[in-house]
């Protein structure tokens, strides 16, 4: 494997030994890779190290990962574990909306039925708040300026109250919706991040309010956040990264 040892690159002879290839073949391969920037040679003409062009390939691969394709197996497992309807949503940054791209319906006859492609506002949904809490401050301001419409009597319409709620979301890692978007429906959602450390979507669990008190919704935060973390890691996110989120004063 091409790499570094004690700060130095590997020589052609070392690479030939590790790859079990003739030195002449390895020299030709290295020359081609060096020409295109995928490997670099030490200044003293000794060992070879990975070139910066390899980052382009890695970035292209990560950008091409389809969130729905990556997330569906984890979503199905989450649905099996909790027995309620679960959703995978992405952010539409231009319209500042949450768009459902996949859902697994619950096993109960009284589970919720939702449509793929449906859109929801950010300020009054669990998925919306889960994403909004980690977006730039400017996005929060735009959402407020566009009006915090009262969709139900429970909808948060006060910008300062919403700001406090989003701080709580950042602290605990999940957002709640207590009949704020649909009367009779309670939800919990967790954000997903990509390799750039940017929030790109959210996973949610929704249940009828008449049989699911908020305390039971909160109890689902464990498997929910585990699912969001697994999908984020498949997208290249690492927990050690610093989240790029809004930080209102």
Foldseek 3Di string as FASTA:
>chain_A
DWADDPRATAFLVRVCVVVVHDSVVSVVVVVVCVVVFQWDADPVRGHIHGGPVVVVVVVVVLVPDDLCVLQVVLQVVLLVVPQAKKFWWWADLVVQWTFTQDIDHGPDPQHDDDDHGDIGHLQAAFFSLQQQLQAAPVSLVVSLVVFQDQQDPPGDGDSVVSNVQSVVCVVPFKGKHDCRNHPQKIKMKGFAAAQVLHTTIIMMGMGGCVPAPVVNRVVSVVSRVVSRVSSNVVSNDDPVDDHRGYDDD
